[in-house]
Amino acid sequence: MLSNMASSLILHKRIETTLAKAKELRKFVEPLLTRAKEDTTHNRRVAFSYLNDKESTKELFGVVSDKIASRPGGYTRIIKLGNRLGDAAETALIELVDFNDALLLANADKPAKTRRSRRGGKKEGAVEAAPVKKEDHPIVAETEAPAEEEAPKTEETPGETEKE
């Protein structure tokens, strides 16, 4: 079953299945995609032994390996779709990351984020940035708001309460 699903994923670039099958398929496909990055006879034979499909093996080492060549890992994405009506099974869409054209176009507009080390500290020989010159602004004295005058309270004597 996994080899058929893997072949379908490679040929169609995305398939819809249950969440459990998608998670297992990810474990099955990721090592194959890693092997496809290096096109050797041995890697082709290993991939064919897993896939048992000549067309999907050609696709894997042709089109797919070119797209994922620069990616260090994480070749698949699982998107949860909700529950199926018949048996309420959780369904998911599993797809190859570099083949989602709509998402790639949306991410192309955003600038690439740089990774920053959480380790503080300066390295030896590092040039410090020039100190920022603060502009002189006139200091405005705070004015106190006029205090509100308190209205005198009327005092009640204990004997003046009304009795009915």
C-alpha atoms as a PDB file:
ATOM      1  CA  MET A   1       0.000   0.000   0.000  1.00  0.00           C
ATOM      2  CA  LEU A   2       2.774   2.459   0.898  1.00  0.00           C
ATOM      3  CA  SER A   3       4.630   1.830  -2.349  1.00  0.00           C
ATOM      4  CA  ASN A   4       1.474   2.552  -4.363  1.00  0.00           C
ATOM      5  CA  MET A   5       0.799   5.709  -2.365  1.00  0.00           C
ATOM      6  CA  ALA A   6       4.425   6.812  -2.762  1.00  0.00           C
ATOM      7  CA  SER A   7       4.227   6.271  -6.527  1.00  0.00           C
ATOM      8  CA  SER A   8       1.020   8.305  -6.693  1.00  0.00           C
ATOM      9  CA  LEU A   9       2.573  11.082  -4.609  1.00  0.00           C
ATOM     10  CA  ILE A  10       5.614  11.272  -6.873  1.00  0.00           C
ATOM     11  CA  LEU A  11       3.561  11.236 -10.073  1.00  0.00           C
ATOM     12  CA  HIS A  12       0.755  13.590  -8.973  1.00  0.00           C
ATOM     13  CA  LYS A  13       2.754  15.705  -6.467  1.00  0.00           C
ATOM     14  CA  ARG A  14      -0.134  15.609  -3.938  1.00  0.00           C
ATOM     15  CA  ILE A  15      -2.660  13.070  -2.740  1.00  0.00           C
ATOM     16  CA  GLU A  16      -5.563  13.094  -0.310  1.00  0.00           C
ATOM     17  CA  THR A  17      -5.672  10.321   2.282  1.00  0.00           C
ATOM     18  CA  THR A  18      -6.245   9.773   5.991  1.00  0.00           C
ATOM     19  CA  LEU A  19      -3.989  11.527   8.461  1.00  0.00           C
ATOM     20  CA  ALA A  20      -2.491   8.280   9.789  1.00  0.00           C
ATOM     21  CA  LYS A  21      -1.616   7.060   6.288  1.00  0.00           C
ATOM     22  CA  ALA A  22      -0.142  10.453   5.404  1.00  0.00           C
ATOM     23  CA  LYS A  23       2.148  10.381   8.437  1.00  0.00           C
ATOM     24  CA  GLU A  24       3.333   6.869   7.604  1.00  0.00           C
ATOM     25  CA  LEU A  25       3.784   7.786   3.952  1.00  0.00           C
ATOM     26  CA  ARG A  26       5.999  10.692   4.978  1.00  0.00           C
ATOM     27  CA  LYS A  27       8.321   8.256   6.799  1.00  0.00           C
ATOM     28  CA  PHE A  28       8.388   6.059   3.686  1.00  0.00           C
ATOM     29  CA  VAL A  29       8.934   8.779   1.063  1.00  0.00           C
ATOM     30  CA  GLU A  30      11.410  11.153   2.731  1.00  0.00           C
ATOM     31  CA  PRO A  31      14.383   8.719   2.571  1.00  0.00           C
ATOM     32  CA  LEU A  32      13.571   7.988  -1.083  1.00  0.00           C
ATOM     33  CA  LEU A  33      13.607  11.686  -1.878  1.00  0.00           C
ATOM     34  CA  THR A  34      16.945  12.041  -0.096  1.00  0.00           C
ATOM     35  CA  ARG A  35      18.380   9.209  -2.192  1.00  0.00           C
ATOM     36  CA  ALA A  36      17.033  10.811  -5.365  1.00  0.00           C
ATOM     37  CA  LYS A  37      19.275  13.841  -4.844  1.00  0.00           C
ATOM     38  CA  GLU A  38      22.263  11.722  -5.874  1.00  0.00           C
ATOM     39  CA  ASP A  39      21.540  10.023  -9.192  1.00  0.00           C
ATOM     40  CA  THR A  40      23.511   6.781  -9.091  1.00  0.00           C
ATOM     41  CA  THR A  41      22.621   3.334 -10.365  1.00  0.00           C
ATOM     42  CA  HIS A  42      22.514   1.989  -6.827  1.00  0.00           C
ATOM     43  CA  ASN A  43      20.118   4.721  -5.652  1.00  0.00           C
ATOM     44  CA  ARG A  44      17.871   4.126  -8.669  1.00  0.00           C
ATOM     45  CA  ARG A  45      17.703   0.405  -7.904  1.00  0.00           C
ATOM     46  CA  VAL A  46      16.951   1.029  -4.231  1.00  0.00           C
ATOM     47  CA  ALA A  47      14.186   3.484  -5.148  1.00  0.00           C
ATOM     48  CA  PHE A  48      12.742   1.051  -7.687  1.00  0.00           C
ATOM     49  CA  SER A  49      12.708  -1.713  -5.069  1.00  0.00           C
ATOM     50  CA  TYR A  50      10.566   0.519  -2.836  1.00  0.00           C
ATOM     51  CA  LEU A  51       8.307   1.965  -5.537  1.00  0.00           C
ATOM     52  CA  ASN A  52       7.948  -1.010  -7.922  1.00  0.00           C
ATOM     53  CA  ASP A  53       7.004   1.417 -10.684  1.00  0.00           C
ATOM     54  CA  LYS A  54       9.271   2.414 -13.538  1.00  0.00           C
ATOM     55  CA  GLU A  55       7.446   5.666 -14.389  1.00  0.00           C
ATOM     56  CA  SER A  56       7.489   7.003 -10.832  1.00  0.00           C
ATOM     57  CA  THR A  57      11.190   6.139 -10.524  1.00  0.00           C
ATOM     58  CA  LYS A  58      11.916   8.126 -13.702  1.00  0.00           C
ATOM     59  CA  GLU A  59       9.852  11.032 -12.396  1.00  0.00           C
ATOM     60  CA  LEU A  60      11.604  10.862  -9.020  1.00  0.00           C
ATOM     61  CA  PHE A  61      15.113  11.017 -10.460  1.00  0.00           C
ATOM     62  CA  GLY A  62      14.179  13.442 -13.236  1.00  0.00           C
ATOM     63  CA  VAL A  63      11.766  16.212 -12.290  1.00  0.00           C
ATOM     64  CA  VAL A  64      11.517  15.818  -8.521  1.00  0.00           C
ATOM     65  CA  SER A  65      15.233  15.515  -7.781  1.00  0.00           C
ATOM     66  CA  ASP A  66      15.960  18.742  -9.698  1.00  0.00           C
ATOM     67  CA  LYS A  67      13.497  20.719  -7.574  1.00  0.00           C
ATOM     68  CA  ILE A  68      14.592  19.340  -4.201  1.00  0.00           C
ATOM     69  CA  ALA A  69      18.333  19.459  -4.859  1.00  0.00           C
ATOM     70  CA  SER A  70      18.941  22.500  -2.640  1.00  0.00           C
ATOM     71  CA  ARG A  71      16.521  21.516   0.141  1.00  0.00           C
ATOM     72  CA  PRO A  72      18.223  19.878   3.155  1.00  0.00           C
ATOM     73  CA  GLY A  73      15.131  17.923   4.231  1.00  0.00           C
ATOM     74  CA  GLY A  74      11.407  18.250   4.853  1.00  0.00           C
ATOM     75  CA  TYR A  75      10.300  17.453   1.329  1.00  0.00           C
ATOM     76  CA  THR A  76       6.636  16.799   2.156  1.00  0.00           C
ATOM     77  CA  ARG A  77       3.889  18.834   3.788  1.00  0.00           C
ATOM     78  CA  ILE A  78       0.791  17.424   5.497  1.00  0.00           C
ATOM     79  CA  ILE A  79      -2.283  19.656   5.571  1.00  0.00           C
ATOM     80  CA  LYS A  80      -5.217  18.534   7.719  1.00  0.00           C
ATOM     81  CA  LEU A  81      -8.538  18.762   5.891  1.00  0.00           C
ATOM     82  CA  GLY A  82     -11.058  17.713   8.517  1.00  0.00           C
ATOM     83  CA  ASN A  83     -13.172  14.629   9.047  1.00  0.00           C
ATOM     84  CA  ARG A  84     -14.601  12.422   6.309  1.00  0.00           C
ATOM     85  CA  LEU A  85     -18.397  12.222   6.234  1.00  0.00           C
ATOM     86  CA  GLY A  86     -18.788   8.446   5.991  1.00  0.00           C
ATOM     87  CA  ASP A  87     -16.633   7.281   8.891  1.00  0.00           C
ATOM     88  CA  ALA A  88     -15.396  10.531  10.477  1.00  0.00           C
ATOM     89  CA  ALA A  89     -11.766   9.642   9.719  1.00  0.00           C
ATOM     90  CA  GLU A  90      -9.347  12.572   9.782  1.00  0.00           C
ATOM     91  CA  THR A  91      -8.333  13.347   6.206  1.00  0.00           C
ATOM     92  CA  ALA A  92      -5.175  15.098   5.118  1.00  0.00           C
ATOM     93  CA  LEU A  93      -3.495  16.302   1.974  1.00  0.00           C
ATOM     94  CA  ILE A  94       0.135  15.266   1.616  1.00  0.00           C
ATOM     95  CA  GLU A  95       2.135  17.126  -1.001  1.00  0.00           C
ATOM     96  CA  LEU A  96       5.670  17.698  -2.155  1.00  0.00           C
ATOM     97  CA  VAL A  97       6.714  21.094  -0.807  1.00  0.00           C
ATOM     98  CA  ASP A  98       8.457  22.483  -3.889  1.00  0.00           C
ATOM     99  CA  PHE A  99       5.553  21.697  -6.216  1.00  0.00           C
ATOM    100  CA  ASN A 100       2.840  23.880  -4.633  1.00  0.00           C
ATOM    101  CA  ASP A 101       2.775  26.726  -7.170  1.00  0.00           C
ATOM    102  CA  ALA A 102       0.242  28.919  -5.346  1.00  0.00           C
ATOM    103  CA  LEU A 103       2.250  28.880  -2.125  1.00  0.00           C
ATOM    104  CA  LEU A 104       5.552  29.413  -3.928  1.00  0.00           C
ATOM    105  CA  LEU A 105       4.174  32.522  -5.652  1.00  0.00           C
ATOM    106  CA  ALA A 106       2.865  33.898  -2.361  1.00  0.00           C
ATOM    107  CA  ASN A 107       6.214  33.324  -0.635  1.00  0.00           C
ATOM    108  CA  ALA A 108       8.182  34.845  -3.527  1.00  0.00           C
ATOM    109  CA  ASP A 109       6.845  38.298  -2.619  1.00  0.00           C
ATOM    110  CA  LYS A 110       8.075  38.082   0.973  1.00  0.00           C
ATOM    111  CA  PRO A 111      11.751  38.785   1.702  1.00  0.00           C
ATOM    112  CA  ALA A 112      13.801  35.842   2.919  1.00  0.00           C
ATOM    113  CA  LYS A 113      14.304  35.711   6.661  1.00  0.00           C
ATOM    114  CA  THR A 114      17.832  35.457   7.953  1.00  0.00           C
ATOM    115  CA  ARG A 115      18.748  33.082  10.708  1.00  0.00           C
ATOM    116  CA  ARG A 116      20.111  34.675  13.797  1.00  0.00           C
ATOM    117  CA  SER A 117      22.146  32.986  16.439  1.00  0.00           C
ATOM    118  CA  ARG A 118      20.798  33.117  19.946  1.00  0.00           C
ATOM    119  CA  ARG A 119      24.296  33.138  21.295  1.00  0.00           C
ATOM    120  CA  GLY A 120      25.162  36.607  22.387  1.00  0.00           C
ATOM    121  CA  GLY A 121      28.600  37.983  22.629  1.00  0.00           C
ATOM    122  CA  LYS A 122      30.932  39.603  20.186  1.00  0.00           C
ATOM    123  CA  LYS A 123      33.597  37.870  18.221  1.00  0.00           C
ATOM    124  CA  GLU A 124      37.149  39.062  18.258  1.00  0.00           C
ATOM    125  CA  GLY A 125      37.963  41.441  15.468  1.00  0.00           C
ATOM    126  CA  ALA A 126      34.337  42.407  14.985  1.00  0.00           C
ATOM    127  CA  VAL A 127      33.852  46.047  14.141  1.00  0.00           C
ATOM    128  CA  GLU A 128      31.460  47.902  16.383  1.00  0.00           C
ATOM    129  CA  ALA A 129      28.811  50.031  14.795  1.00  0.00           C
ATOM    130  CA  ALA A 130      29.301  53.762  15.062  1.00  0.00           C
ATOM    131  CA  PRO A 131      27.369  55.273  17.975  1.00  0.00           C
ATOM    132  CA  VAL A 132      24.106  56.853  16.961  1.00  0.00           C
ATOM    133  CA  LYS A 133      24.062  60.612  17.371  1.00  0.00           C
ATOM    134  CA  LYS A 134      21.055  61.768  19.313  1.00  0.00           C
ATOM    135  CA  GLU A 135      19.375  64.860  18.017  1.00  0.00           C
ATOM    136  CA  ASP A 136      18.983  67.761  20.397  1.00  0.00           C
ATOM    137  CA  HIS A 137      15.339  68.317  21.201  1.00  0.00           C
ATOM    138  CA  PRO A 138      14.240  71.141  23.455  1.00  0.00           C
ATOM    139  CA  ILE A 139      13.035  69.787  26.741  1.00  0.00           C
ATOM    140  CA  VAL A 140       9.500  70.855  27.412  1.00  0.00           C
ATOM    141  CA  ALA A 141       8.741  71.463  31.063  1.00  0.00           C
ATOM    142  CA  GLU A 142       5.757  69.555  32.252  1.00  0.00           C
ATOM    143  CA  THR A 143       2.922  71.791  33.294  1.00  0.00           C
ATOM    144  CA  GLU A 144       0.805  70.693  36.155  1.00  0.00           C
ATOM    145  CA  ALA A 145      -2.879  70.411  35.524  1.00  0.00           C
ATOM    146  CA  PRO A 146      -4.915  72.722  37.750  1.00  0.00           C
ATOM    147  CA  ALA A 147      -6.176  70.848  40.744  1.00  0.00           C
ATOM    148  CA  GLU A 148      -9.925  70.438  40.860  1.00  0.00           C
ATOM    149  CA  GLU A 149     -11.536  72.257  43.684  1.00  0.00           C
ATOM    150  CA  GLU A 150     -13.286  69.969  46.055  1.00  0.00           C
ATOM    151  CA  ALA A 151     -16.852  70.857  46.909  1.00  0.00           C
ATOM    152  CA  PRO A 152     -17.444  71.131  50.637  1.00  0.00           C
ATOM    153  CA  LYS A 153     -19.290  68.122  51.958  1.00  0.00           C
ATOM    154  CA  THR A 154     -22.427  68.637  53.945  1.00  0.00           C
ATOM    155  CA  GLU A 155     -22.161  67.058  57.284  1.00  0.00           C
ATOM    156  CA  GLU A 156     -25.023  65.168  58.754  1.00  0.00           C
ATOM    157  CA  THR A 157     -25.476  65.044  62.445  1.00  0.00           C
ATOM    158  CA  PRO A 158     -26.620  61.772  63.935  1.00  0.00           C
ATOM    159  CA  GLY A 159     -29.779  63.294  65.373  1.00  0.00           C
ATOM    160  CA  GLU A 160     -31.065  64.766  62.106  1.00  0.00           C
ATOM    161  CA  THR A 161     -32.160  61.553  60.438  1.00  0.00           C
ATOM    162  CA  GLU A 162     -35.772  61.476  59.341  1.00  0.00           C
ATOM    163  CA  LYS A 163     -38.146  59.191  61.142  1.00  0.00           C
ATOM    164  CA  GLU A 164     -41.419  57.983  59.769  1.00  0.00           C
END
